[in-house]
Amino acid sequence: MEYRYRLEELVTQRTNELREANESLRREMRERERIERERAEAYRQIERNIEQFAVLTDHIRNPLQVVQGMADVIEDERAAKIREQVNRIKEILRQLDDGWVESEKVREYLVRYR
């Protein structure tokens, strides 16, 4: 009888340990699922940012060309100042292009090594 009680105690103890381990695994799985959802959202955000880089620079370049063309027709010191500012903006756009290229490389790396 004593052996039977001891065996039941051991079974109950082991069952409780397994239940706790199972609950711990469930928590860990939920956490991993949450992290995976966040990672997927981060990838989607990277994609949106990369697309916005390209669109943004195009939206800036088109009117900038008009400004530069108008400055080219003006022949006084104001035109020189306008051309100087246009060149500064073009340099900023070049830096944005470089950022876009780097973002593309990061995106490709992340996709490759997910």
PDB file of N, CA and C in Angstrom:
ATOM      1  N   MET A   1       0.820  -1.182   0.000  1.00  0.00           N
ATOM      2  CA  MET A   1       0.000   0.000   0.000  1.00  0.00           C
ATOM      3  C   MET A   1       0.875   1.261   0.000  1.00  0.00           C
ATOM      4  N   GLU A   2       1.906   1.217   0.859  1.00  0.00           N
ATOM      5  CA  GLU A   2       2.810   2.354   0.955  1.00  0.00           C
ATOM      6  C   GLU A   2       3.512   2.598  -0.381  1.00  0.00           C
ATOM      7  N   TYR A   3       3.908   1.530  -1.045  1.00  0.00           N
ATOM      8  CA  TYR A   3       4.537   1.630  -2.356  1.00  0.00           C
ATOM      9  C   TYR A   3       3.588   2.283  -3.347  1.00  0.00           C
ATOM     10  N   ARG A   4       2.329   1.910  -3.297  1.00  0.00           N
ATOM     11  CA  ARG A   4       1.312   2.452  -4.196  1.00  0.00           C
ATOM     12  C   ARG A   4       1.134   3.954  -3.958  1.00  0.00           C
ATOM     13  N   TYR A   5       1.058   4.384  -2.684  1.00  0.00           N
ATOM     14  CA  TYR A   5       0.923   5.805  -2.366  1.00  0.00           C
ATOM     15  C   TYR A   5       2.145   6.584  -2.853  1.00  0.00           C
ATOM     16  N   ARG A   6       3.297   6.002  -2.619  1.00  0.00           N
ATOM     17  CA  ARG A   6       4.533   6.650  -3.059  1.00  0.00           C
ATOM     18  C   ARG A   6       4.549   6.778  -4.582  1.00  0.00           C
ATOM     19  N   LEU A   7       4.126   5.744  -5.270  1.00  0.00           N
ATOM     20  CA  LEU A   7       4.068   5.765  -6.733  1.00  0.00           C
ATOM     21  C   LEU A   7       3.078   6.830  -7.209  1.00  0.00           C
ATOM     22  N   GLU A   8       1.932   6.934  -6.563  1.00  0.00           N
ATOM     23  CA  GLU A   8       0.953   7.963  -6.930  1.00  0.00           C
ATOM     24  C   GLU A   8       1.510   9.364  -6.689  1.00  0.00           C
ATOM     25  N   GLU A   9       2.246   9.522  -5.594  1.00  0.00           N
ATOM     26  CA  GLU A   9       2.893  10.808  -5.310  1.00  0.00           C
ATOM     27  C   GLU A   9       3.880  11.169  -6.408  1.00  0.00           C
ATOM     28  N   LEU A  10       4.681  10.191  -6.793  1.00  0.00           N
ATOM     29  CA  LEU A  10       5.654  10.427  -7.855  1.00  0.00           C
ATOM     30  C   LEU A  10       4.974  10.765  -9.174  1.00  0.00           C
ATOM     31  N   VAL A  11       3.917  10.050  -9.492  1.00  0.00           N
ATOM     32  CA  VAL A  11       3.170  10.315 -10.731  1.00  0.00           C
ATOM     33  C   VAL A  11       2.576  11.721 -10.679  1.00  0.00           C
ATOM     34  N   THR A  12       1.981  12.082  -9.546  1.00  0.00           N
ATOM     35  CA  THR A  12       1.400  13.413  -9.392  1.00  0.00           C
ATOM     36  C   THR A  12       2.471  14.488  -9.503  1.00  0.00           C
ATOM     37  N   GLN A  13       3.596  14.250  -8.839  1.00  0.00           N
ATOM     38  CA  GLN A  13       4.699  15.209  -8.893  1.00  0.00           C
ATOM     39  C   GLN A  13       5.203  15.377 -10.324  1.00  0.00           C
ATOM     40  N   ARG A  14       5.405  14.264 -10.991  1.00  0.00           N
ATOM     41  CA  ARG A  14       5.912  14.305 -12.373  1.00  0.00           C
ATOM     42  C   ARG A  14       4.890  14.956 -13.294  1.00  0.00           C
ATOM     43  N   THR A  15       3.620  14.684 -13.076  1.00  0.00           N
ATOM     44  CA  THR A  15       2.561  15.302 -13.878  1.00  0.00           C
ATOM     45  C   THR A  15       2.588  16.817 -13.703  1.00  0.00           C
ATOM     46  N   ASN A  16       2.750  17.270 -12.467  1.00  0.00           N
ATOM     47  CA  ASN A  16       2.833  18.705 -12.209  1.00  0.00           C
ATOM     48  C   ASN A  16       4.060  19.328 -12.873  1.00  0.00           C
ATOM     49  N   GLU A  17       5.175  18.627 -12.802  1.00  0.00           N
ATOM     50  CA  GLU A  17       6.390  19.122 -13.447  1.00  0.00           C
ATOM     51  C   GLU A  17       6.184  19.232 -14.956  1.00  0.00           C
ATOM     52  N   LEU A  18       5.559  18.220 -15.527  1.00  0.00           N
ATOM     53  CA  LEU A  18       5.299  18.233 -16.970  1.00  0.00           C
ATOM     54  C   LEU A  18       4.316  19.344 -17.336  1.00  0.00           C
ATOM     55  N   ARG A  19       3.320  19.560 -16.504  1.00  0.00           N
ATOM     56  CA  ARG A  19       2.346  20.626 -16.746  1.00  0.00           C
ATOM     57  C   ARG A  19       3.052  21.987 -16.728  1.00  0.00           C
ATOM     58  N   GLU A  20       3.925  22.193 -15.746  1.00  0.00           N
ATOM     59  CA  GLU A  20       4.677  23.453 -15.658  1.00  0.00           C
ATOM     60  C   GLU A  20       5.601  23.628 -16.866  1.00  0.00           C
ATOM     61  N   ALA A  21       6.274  22.548 -17.254  1.00  0.00           N
ATOM     62  CA  ALA A  21       7.160  22.616 -18.413  1.00  0.00           C
ATOM     63  C   ALA A  21       6.358  22.913 -19.671  1.00  0.00           C
ATOM     64  N   ASN A  22       5.191  22.290 -19.782  1.00  0.00           N
ATOM     65  CA  ASN A  22       4.332  22.506 -20.936  1.00  0.00           C
ATOM     66  C   ASN A  22       3.868  23.970 -20.999  1.00  0.00           C
ATOM     67  N   GLU A  23       3.472  24.510 -19.869  1.00  0.00           N
ATOM     68  CA  GLU A  23       3.045  25.916 -19.822  1.00  0.00           C
ATOM     69  C   GLU A  23       4.206  26.840 -20.160  1.00  0.00           C
ATOM     70  N   SER A  24       5.390  26.516 -19.676  1.00  0.00           N
ATOM     71  CA  SER A  24       6.573  27.308 -19.991  1.00  0.00           C
ATOM     72  C   SER A  24       6.844  27.281 -21.502  1.00  0.00           C
ATOM     73  N   LEU A  25       6.718  26.122 -22.105  1.00  0.00           N
ATOM     74  CA  LEU A  25       6.901  26.008 -23.555  1.00  0.00           C
ATOM     75  C   LEU A  25       5.847  26.806 -24.309  1.00  0.00           C
ATOM     76  N   ARG A  26       4.619  26.775 -23.832  1.00  0.00           N
ATOM     77  CA  ARG A  26       3.556  27.561 -24.476  1.00  0.00           C
ATOM     78  C   ARG A  26       3.868  29.050 -24.416  1.00  0.00           C
ATOM     79  N   ARG A  27       4.334  29.526 -23.257  1.00  0.00           N
ATOM     80  CA  ARG A  27       4.706  30.940 -23.127  1.00  0.00           C
ATOM     81  C   ARG A  27       5.836  31.292 -24.092  1.00  0.00           C
ATOM     82  N   GLU A  28       6.822  30.415 -24.153  1.00  0.00           N
ATOM     83  CA  GLU A  28       7.947  30.647 -25.049  1.00  0.00           C
ATOM     84  C   GLU A  28       7.497  30.669 -26.509  1.00  0.00           C
ATOM     85  N   MET A  29       6.603  29.769 -26.871  1.00  0.00           N
ATOM     86  CA  MET A  29       6.090  29.744 -28.241  1.00  0.00           C
ATOM     87  C   MET A  29       5.315  31.016 -28.558  1.00  0.00           C
ATOM     88  N   ARG A  30       4.497  31.496 -27.617  1.00  0.00           N
ATOM     89  CA  ARG A  30       3.765  32.745 -27.844  1.00  0.00           C
ATOM     90  C   ARG A  30       4.734  33.913 -28.017  1.00  0.00           C
ATOM     91  N   GLU A  31       5.774  33.917 -27.215  1.00  0.00           N
ATOM     92  CA  GLU A  31       6.778  34.989 -27.312  1.00  0.00           C
ATOM     93  C   GLU A  31       7.492  34.933 -28.663  1.00  0.00           C
ATOM     94  N   ARG A  32       7.841  33.742 -29.086  1.00  0.00           N
ATOM     95  CA  ARG A  32       8.500  33.606 -30.394  1.00  0.00           C
ATOM     96  C   ARG A  32       7.579  34.016 -31.531  1.00  0.00           C
ATOM     97  N   GLU A  33       6.307  33.668 -31.432  1.00  0.00           N
ATOM     98  CA  GLU A  33       5.337  34.087 -32.451  1.00  0.00           C
ATOM     99  C   GLU A  33       5.217  35.607 -32.486  1.00  0.00           C
ATOM    100  N   ARG A  34       5.191  36.233 -31.301  1.00  0.00           N
ATOM    101  CA  ARG A  34       5.118  37.691 -31.226  1.00  0.00           C
ATOM    102  C   ARG A  34       6.353  38.315 -31.877  1.00  0.00           C
ATOM    103  N   ILE A  35       7.520  37.775 -31.562  1.00  0.00           N
ATOM    104  CA  ILE A  35       8.763  38.293 -32.134  1.00  0.00           C
ATOM    105  C   ILE A  35       8.754  38.121 -33.647  1.00  0.00           C
ATOM    106  N   GLU A  36       8.275  36.979 -34.119  1.00  0.00           N
ATOM    107  CA  GLU A  36       8.226  36.730 -35.563  1.00  0.00           C
ATOM    108  C   GLU A  36       7.272  37.704 -36.249  1.00  0.00           C
ATOM    109  N   ARG A  37       6.130  38.001 -35.613  1.00  0.00           N
ATOM    110  CA  ARG A  37       5.201  39.001 -36.184  1.00  0.00           C
ATOM    111  C   ARG A  37       5.864  40.371 -36.255  1.00  0.00           C
ATOM    112  N   GLU A  38       6.581  40.737 -35.186  1.00  0.00           N
ATOM    113  CA  GLU A  38       7.282  42.024 -35.174  1.00  0.00           C
ATOM    114  C   GLU A  38       8.368  42.060 -36.241  1.00  0.00           C
ATOM    115  N   ARG A  39       9.075  40.963 -36.409  1.00  0.00           N
ATOM    116  CA  ARG A  39      10.119  40.891 -37.437  1.00  0.00           C
ATOM    117  C   ARG A  39       9.512  41.040 -38.831  1.00  0.00           C
ATOM    118  N   ALA A  40       8.404  40.356 -39.059  1.00  0.00           N
ATOM    119  CA  ALA A  40       7.733  40.462 -40.363  1.00  0.00           C
ATOM    120  C   ALA A  40       7.276  41.896 -40.616  1.00  0.00           C
ATOM    121  N   GLU A  41       6.756  42.550 -39.595  1.00  0.00           N
ATOM    122  CA  GLU A  41       6.321  43.942 -39.745  1.00  0.00           C
ATOM    123  C   GLU A  41       7.524  44.847 -40.015  1.00  0.00           C
ATOM    124  N   ALA A  42       8.642  44.566 -39.377  1.00  0.00           N
ATOM    125  CA  ALA A  42       9.858  45.356 -39.623  1.00  0.00           C
ATOM    126  C   ALA A  42      10.309  45.200 -41.076  1.00  0.00           C
ATOM    127  N   TYR A  43      10.242  43.974 -41.615  1.00  0.00           N
ATOM    128  CA  TYR A  43      10.595  43.755 -43.020  1.00  0.00           C
ATOM    129  C   TYR A  43       9.659  44.536 -43.939  1.00  0.00           C
ATOM    130  N   ARG A  44       8.371  44.503 -43.624  1.00  0.00           N
ATOM    131  CA  ARG A  44       7.405  45.250 -44.444  1.00  0.00           C
ATOM    132  C   ARG A  44       7.703  46.748 -44.378  1.00  0.00           C
ATOM    133  N   GLN A  45       8.066  47.238 -43.202  1.00  0.00           N
ATOM    134  CA  GLN A  45       8.383  48.665 -43.057  1.00  0.00           C
ATOM    135  C   GLN A  45       9.629  49.021 -43.853  1.00  0.00           C
ATOM    136  N   ILE A  46      10.617  48.146 -43.843  1.00  0.00           N
ATOM    137  CA  ILE A  46      11.828  48.372 -44.635  1.00  0.00           C
ATOM    138  C   ILE A  46      11.460  48.473 -46.110  1.00  0.00           C
ATOM    139  N   GLU A  47      10.605  47.571 -46.578  1.00  0.00           N
ATOM    140  CA  GLU A  47      10.158  47.606 -47.977  1.00  0.00           C
ATOM    141  C   GLU A  47       9.479  48.931 -48.295  1.00  0.00           C
ATOM    142  N   ARG A  48       8.576  49.381 -47.405  1.00  0.00           N
ATOM    143  CA  ARG A  48       7.885  50.652 -47.634  1.00  0.00           C
ATOM    144  C   ARG A  48       8.872  51.812 -47.653  1.00  0.00           C
ATOM    145  N   ASN A  49       9.837  51.794 -46.743  1.00  0.00           N
ATOM    146  CA  ASN A  49      10.827  52.873 -46.691  1.00  0.00           C
ATOM    147  C   ASN A  49      11.666  52.930 -47.965  1.00  0.00           C
ATOM    148  N   ILE A  50      12.056  51.769 -48.458  1.00  0.00           N
ATOM    149  CA  ILE A  50      12.852  51.719 -49.680  1.00  0.00           C
ATOM    150  C   ILE A  50      12.059  52.297 -50.843  1.00  0.00           C
ATOM    151  N   GLU A  51      10.795  51.928 -50.945  1.00  0.00           N
ATOM    152  CA  GLU A  51       9.950  52.477 -52.012  1.00  0.00           C
ATOM    153  C   GLU A  51       9.799  53.987 -51.861  1.00  0.00           C
ATOM    154  N   GLN A  52       9.636  54.454 -50.634  1.00  0.00           N
ATOM    155  CA  GLN A  52       9.465  55.884 -50.403  1.00  0.00           C
ATOM    156  C   GLN A  52      10.725  56.670 -50.742  1.00  0.00           C
ATOM    157  N   PHE A  53      11.900  56.082 -50.524  1.00  0.00           N
ATOM    158  CA  PHE A  53      13.146  56.741 -50.923  1.00  0.00           C
ATOM    159  C   PHE A  53      13.105  57.088 -52.407  1.00  0.00           C
ATOM    160  N   ALA A  54      12.795  56.095 -53.222  1.00  0.00           N
ATOM    161  CA  ALA A  54      12.795  56.286 -54.671  1.00  0.00           C
ATOM    162  C   ALA A  54      11.756  57.319 -55.090  1.00  0.00           C
ATOM    163  N   VAL A  55      10.554  57.212 -54.566  1.00  0.00           N
ATOM    164  CA  VAL A  55       9.482  58.133 -54.935  1.00  0.00           C
ATOM    165  C   VAL A  55       9.815  59.555 -54.482  1.00  0.00           C
ATOM    166  N   LEU A  56      10.310  59.682 -53.268  1.00  0.00           N
ATOM    167  CA  LEU A  56      10.623  61.000 -52.719  1.00  0.00           C
ATOM    168  C   LEU A  56      11.667  61.724 -53.564  1.00  0.00           C
ATOM    169  N   THR A  57      12.737  61.055 -53.889  1.00  0.00           N
ATOM    170  CA  THR A  57      13.782  61.727 -54.665  1.00  0.00           C
ATOM    171  C   THR A  57      13.272  62.134 -56.043  1.00  0.00           C
ATOM    172  N   ASP A  58      12.432  61.301 -56.662  1.00  0.00           N
ATOM    173  CA  ASP A  58      11.850  61.679 -57.954  1.00  0.00           C
ATOM    174  C   ASP A  58      10.949  62.900 -57.819  1.00  0.00           C
ATOM    175  N   HIS A  59      10.153  62.940 -56.767  1.00  0.00           N
ATOM    176  CA  HIS A  59       9.256  64.075 -56.557  1.00  0.00           C
ATOM    177  C   HIS A  59      10.032  65.369 -56.322  1.00  0.00           C
ATOM    178  N   ILE A  60      11.214  65.260 -55.787  1.00  0.00           N
ATOM    179  CA  ILE A  60      12.029  66.455 -55.550  1.00  0.00           C
ATOM    180  C   ILE A  60      12.793  66.845 -56.816  1.00  0.00           C
ATOM    181  N   ARG A  61      13.314  65.859 -57.531  1.00  0.00           N
ATOM    182  CA  ARG A  61      14.140  66.154 -58.706  1.00  0.00           C
ATOM    183  C   ARG A  61      13.359  66.876 -59.805  1.00  0.00           C
ATOM    184  N   ASN A  62      12.131  66.479 -60.038  1.00  0.00           N
ATOM    185  CA  ASN A  62      11.371  67.075 -61.142  1.00  0.00           C
ATOM    186  C   ASN A  62      11.191  68.588 -60.972  1.00  0.00           C
ATOM    187  N   PRO A  63      10.652  69.070 -59.851  1.00  0.00           N
ATOM    188  CA  PRO A  63      10.537  70.526 -59.713  1.00  0.00           C
ATOM    189  C   PRO A  63      11.898  71.218 -59.606  1.00  0.00           C
ATOM    190  N   LEU A  64      12.898  70.499 -59.096  1.00  0.00           N
ATOM    191  CA  LEU A  64      14.232  71.075 -58.992  1.00  0.00           C
ATOM    192  C   LEU A  64      14.798  71.382 -60.380  1.00  0.00           C
ATOM    193  N   GLN A  65      14.534  70.516 -61.327  1.00  0.00           N
ATOM    194  CA  GLN A  65      14.982  70.766 -62.701  1.00  0.00           C
ATOM    195  C   GLN A  65      14.335  72.032 -63.261  1.00  0.00           C
ATOM    196  N   VAL A  66      13.068  72.261 -62.935  1.00  0.00           N
ATOM    197  CA  VAL A  66      12.385  73.475 -63.388  1.00  0.00           C
ATOM    198  C   VAL A  66      13.064  74.706 -62.782  1.00  0.00           C
ATOM    199  N   VAL A  67      13.345  74.644 -61.473  1.00  0.00           N
ATOM    200  CA  VAL A  67      14.003  75.763 -60.796  1.00  0.00           C
ATOM    201  C   VAL A  67      15.360  76.031 -61.437  1.00  0.00           C
ATOM    202  N   GLN A  68      16.116  74.975 -61.689  1.00  0.00           N
ATOM    203  CA  GLN A  68      17.428  75.152 -62.291  1.00  0.00           C
ATOM    204  C   GLN A  68      17.303  75.733 -63.701  1.00  0.00           C
ATOM    205  N   GLY A  69      16.332  75.249 -64.465  1.00  0.00           N
ATOM    206  CA  GLY A  69      16.127  75.785 -65.815  1.00  0.00           C
ATOM    207  C   GLY A  69      15.787  77.268 -65.788  1.00  0.00           C
ATOM    208  N   MET A  70      14.964  77.665 -64.839  1.00  0.00           N
ATOM    209  CA  MET A  70      14.594  79.082 -64.730  1.00  0.00           C
ATOM    210  C   MET A  70      15.807  79.912 -64.303  1.00  0.00           C
ATOM    211  N   ALA A  71      16.623  79.356 -63.411  1.00  0.00           N
ATOM    212  CA  ALA A  71      17.816  80.076 -62.967  1.00  0.00           C
ATOM    213  C   ALA A  71      18.806  80.243 -64.116  1.00  0.00           C
ATOM    214  N   ASP A  72      18.826  79.278 -65.004  1.00  0.00           N
ATOM    215  CA  ASP A  72      19.737  79.361 -66.151  1.00  0.00           C
ATOM    216  C   ASP A  72      19.362  80.502 -67.100  1.00  0.00           C
ATOM    217  N   VAL A  73      18.089  80.890 -67.110  1.00  0.00           N
ATOM    218  CA  VAL A  73      17.665  81.980 -67.995  1.00  0.00           C
ATOM    219  C   VAL A  73      17.919  83.356 -67.367  1.00  0.00           C
ATOM    220  N   ILE A  74      18.024  83.396 -66.053  1.00  0.00           N
ATOM    221  CA  ILE A  74      18.263  84.666 -65.369  1.00  0.00           C
ATOM    222  C   ILE A  74      19.763  84.939 -65.377  1.00  0.00           C
ATOM    223  N   GLU A  75      20.140  86.161 -65.691  1.00  0.00           N
ATOM    224  CA  GLU A  75      21.559  86.510 -65.746  1.00  0.00           C
ATOM    225  C   GLU A  75      21.886  87.588 -64.713  1.00  0.00           C
ATOM    226  N   ASP A  76      21.833  87.252 -63.436  1.00  0.00           N
ATOM    227  CA  ASP A  76      22.308  88.163 -62.393  1.00  0.00           C
ATOM    228  C   ASP A  76      22.738  87.347 -61.186  1.00  0.00           C
ATOM    229  N   GLU A  77      23.110  88.025 -60.088  1.00  0.00           N
ATOM    230  CA  GLU A  77      23.638  87.307 -58.922  1.00  0.00           C
ATOM    231  C   GLU A  77      22.602  86.416 -58.269  1.00  0.00           C
ATOM    232  N   ARG A  78      21.310  86.695 -58.440  1.00  0.00           N
ATOM    233  CA  ARG A  78      20.270  85.822 -57.869  1.00  0.00           C
ATOM    234  C   ARG A  78      20.331  84.434 -58.500  1.00  0.00           C
ATOM    235  N   ALA A  79      20.598  84.383 -59.784  1.00  0.00           N
ATOM    236  CA  ALA A  79      20.667  83.095 -60.474  1.00  0.00           C
ATOM    237  C   ALA A  79      21.811  82.246 -59.921  1.00  0.00           C
ATOM    238  N   ALA A  80      22.936  82.889 -59.625  1.00  0.00           N
ATOM    239  CA  ALA A  80      24.074  82.148 -59.067  1.00  0.00           C
ATOM    240  C   ALA A  80      23.703  81.552 -57.715  1.00  0.00           C
ATOM    241  N   LYS A  81      22.990  82.325 -56.893  1.00  0.00           N
ATOM    242  CA  LYS A  81      22.567  81.836 -55.573  1.00  0.00           C
ATOM    243  C   LYS A  81      21.571  80.678 -55.733  1.00  0.00           C
ATOM    244  N   ILE A  82      20.663  80.805 -56.670  1.00  0.00           N
ATOM    245  CA  ILE A  82      19.687  79.729 -56.928  1.00  0.00           C
ATOM    246  C   ILE A  82      20.408  78.471 -57.375  1.00  0.00           C
ATOM    247  N   ARG A  83      21.345  78.610 -58.311  1.00  0.00           N
ATOM    248  CA  ARG A  83      22.093  77.428 -58.783  1.00  0.00           C
ATOM    249  C   ARG A  83      22.881  76.782 -57.640  1.00  0.00           C
ATOM    250  N   GLU A  84      23.435  77.615 -56.773  1.00  0.00           N
ATOM    251  CA  GLU A  84      24.172  77.094 -55.611  1.00  0.00           C
ATOM    252  C   GLU A  84      23.250  76.257 -54.721  1.00  0.00           C
ATOM    253  N   GLN A  85      22.057  76.757 -54.457  1.00  0.00           N
ATOM    254  CA  GLN A  85      21.100  76.025 -53.621  1.00  0.00           C
ATOM    255  C   GLN A  85      20.603  74.755 -54.327  1.00  0.00           C
ATOM    256  N   VAL A  86      20.406  74.837 -55.625  1.00  0.00           N
ATOM    257  CA  VAL A  86      19.999  73.658 -56.394  1.00  0.00           C
ATOM    258  C   VAL A  86      21.070  72.583 -56.272  1.00  0.00           C
ATOM    259  N   ASN A  87      22.329  72.982 -56.366  1.00  0.00           N
ATOM    260  CA  ASN A  87      23.418  72.010 -56.241  1.00  0.00           C
ATOM    261  C   ASN A  87      23.459  71.394 -54.844  1.00  0.00           C
ATOM    262  N   ARG A  88      23.172  72.193 -53.819  1.00  0.00           N
ATOM    263  CA  ARG A  88      23.117  71.654 -52.457  1.00  0.00           C
ATOM    264  C   ARG A  88      22.004  70.611 -52.343  1.00  0.00           C
ATOM    265  N   ILE A  89      20.856  70.933 -52.909  1.00  0.00           N
ATOM    266  CA  ILE A  89      19.723  69.986 -52.865  1.00  0.00           C
ATOM    267  C   ILE A  89      20.076  68.721 -53.642  1.00  0.00           C
ATOM    268  N   LYS A  90      20.739  68.872 -54.780  1.00  0.00           N
ATOM    269  CA  LYS A  90      21.145  67.688 -55.557  1.00  0.00           C
ATOM    270  C   LYS A  90      22.102  66.805 -54.749  1.00  0.00           C
ATOM    271  N   GLU A  91      22.972  67.428 -53.972  1.00  0.00           N
ATOM    272  CA  GLU A  91      23.893  66.655 -53.132  1.00  0.00           C
ATOM    273  C   GLU A  91      23.117  65.889 -52.061  1.00  0.00           C
ATOM    274  N   ILE A  92      22.136  66.534 -51.483  1.00  0.00           N
ATOM    275  CA  ILE A  92      21.290  65.847 -50.495  1.00  0.00           C
ATOM    276  C   ILE A  92      20.566  64.676 -51.148  1.00  0.00           C
ATOM    277  N   LEU A  93      20.060  64.884 -52.354  1.00  0.00           N
ATOM    278  CA  LEU A  93      19.382  63.801 -53.078  1.00  0.00           C
ATOM    279  C   LEU A  93      20.348  62.659 -53.385  1.00  0.00           C
ATOM    280  N   ARG A  94      21.590  63.006 -53.705  1.00  0.00           N
ATOM    281  CA  ARG A  94      22.593  61.963 -53.946  1.00  0.00           C
ATOM    282  C   ARG A  94      22.795  61.130 -52.676  1.00  0.00           C
ATOM    283  N   GLN A  95      22.830  61.809 -51.531  1.00  0.00           N
ATOM    284  CA  GLN A  95      22.969  61.091 -50.267  1.00  0.00           C
ATOM    285  C   GLN A  95      21.755  60.203 -50.006  1.00  0.00           C
ATOM    286  N   LEU A  96      20.585  60.698 -50.349  1.00  0.00           N
ATOM    287  CA  LEU A  96      19.381  59.860 -50.219  1.00  0.00           C
ATOM    288  C   LEU A  96      19.476  58.637 -51.129  1.00  0.00           C
ATOM    289  N   ASP A  97      19.980  58.850 -52.346  1.00  0.00           N
ATOM    290  CA  ASP A  97      20.161  57.719 -53.265  1.00  0.00           C
ATOM    291  C   ASP A  97      21.120  56.691 -52.673  1.00  0.00           C
ATOM    292  N   ASP A  98      22.205  57.191 -52.064  1.00  0.00           N
ATOM    293  CA  ASP A  98      23.155  56.275 -51.428  1.00  0.00           C
ATOM    294  C   ASP A  98      22.467  55.499 -50.302  1.00  0.00           C
ATOM    295  N   GLY A  99      21.639  56.208 -49.526  1.00  0.00           N
ATOM    296  CA  GLY A  99      20.881  55.543 -48.463  1.00  0.00           C
ATOM    297  C   GLY A  99      19.938  54.502 -49.018  1.00  0.00           C
ATOM    298  N   TRP A 100      19.333  54.808 -50.167  1.00  0.00           N
ATOM    299  CA  TRP A 100      18.421  53.861 -50.810  1.00  0.00           C
ATOM    300  C   TRP A 100      19.182  52.604 -51.216  1.00  0.00           C
ATOM    301  N   VAL A 101      20.362  52.809 -51.799  1.00  0.00           N
ATOM    302  CA  VAL A 101      21.178  51.659 -52.217  1.00  0.00           C
ATOM    303  C   VAL A 101      21.555  50.820 -50.999  1.00  0.00           C
ATOM    304  N   GLU A 102      21.965  51.483 -49.912  1.00  0.00           N
ATOM    305  CA  GLU A 102      22.321  50.755 -48.695  1.00  0.00           C
ATOM    306  C   GLU A 102      21.106  50.012 -48.137  1.00  0.00           C
ATOM    307  N   SER A 103      19.941  50.656 -48.175  1.00  0.00           N
ATOM    308  CA  SER A 103      18.715  50.012 -47.696  1.00  0.00           C
ATOM    309  C   SER A 103      18.402  48.776 -48.518  1.00  0.00           C
ATOM    310  N   GLU A 104      18.607  48.872 -49.817  1.00  0.00           N
ATOM    311  CA  GLU A 104      18.402  47.714 -50.690  1.00  0.00           C
ATOM    312  C   GLU A 104      19.330  46.569 -50.288  1.00  0.00           C
ATOM    313  N   LYS A 105      20.582  46.895 -49.997  1.00  0.00           N
ATOM    314  CA  LYS A 105      21.537  45.863 -49.591  1.00  0.00           C
ATOM    315  C   LYS A 105      21.108  45.224 -48.268  1.00  0.00           C
ATOM    316  N   VAL A 106      20.657  46.047 -47.330  1.00  0.00           N
ATOM    317  CA  VAL A 106      20.193  45.530 -46.039  1.00  0.00           C
ATOM    318  C   VAL A 106      18.985  44.629 -46.253  1.00  0.00           C
ATOM    319  N   ARG A 107      18.049  45.078 -47.090  1.00  0.00           N
ATOM    320  CA  ARG A 107      16.851  44.287 -47.360  1.00  0.00           C
ATOM    321  C   ARG A 107      17.230  42.938 -47.961  1.00  0.00           C
ATOM    322  N   GLU A 108      18.101  42.952 -48.945  1.00  0.00           N
ATOM    323  CA  GLU A 108      18.519  41.702 -49.576  1.00  0.00           C
ATOM    324  C   GLU A 108      19.193  40.775 -48.556  1.00  0.00           C
ATOM    325  N   TYR A 109      20.013  41.347 -47.691  1.00  0.00           N
ATOM    326  CA  TYR A 109      20.686  40.552 -46.662  1.00  0.00           C
ATOM    327  C   TYR A 109      19.642  39.927 -45.722  1.00  0.00           C
ATOM    328  N   LEU A 110      18.688  40.741 -45.278  1.00  0.00           N
ATOM    329  CA  LEU A 110      17.681  40.238 -44.346  1.00  0.00           C
ATOM    330  C   LEU A 110      16.831  39.146 -44.989  1.00  0.00           C
ATOM    331  N   VAL A 111      16.486  39.333 -46.238  1.00  0.00           N
ATOM    332  CA  VAL A 111      15.685  38.320 -46.930  1.00  0.00           C
ATOM    333  C   VAL A 111      16.487  37.030 -47.056  1.00  0.00           C
ATOM    334  N   ARG A 112      17.753  37.155 -47.378  1.00  0.00           N
ATOM    335  CA  ARG A 112      18.607  35.988 -47.577  1.00  0.00           C
ATOM    336  C   ARG A 112      18.820  35.208 -46.267  1.00  0.00           C
ATOM    337  N   TYR A 113      18.976  35.932 -45.145  1.00  0.00           N
ATOM    338  CA  TYR A 113      19.346  35.283 -43.892  1.00  0.00           C
ATOM    339  C   TYR A 113      18.259  35.341 -42.818  1.00  0.00           C
ATOM    340  N   ARG A 114      17.013  35.315 -43.238  1.00  0.00           N
ATOM    341  CA  ARG A 114      15.906  35.324 -42.268  1.00  0.00           C
ATOM    342  C   ARG A 114      15.968  34.149 -41.367  1.00  0.00           C
TER     343      ARG A 114
END
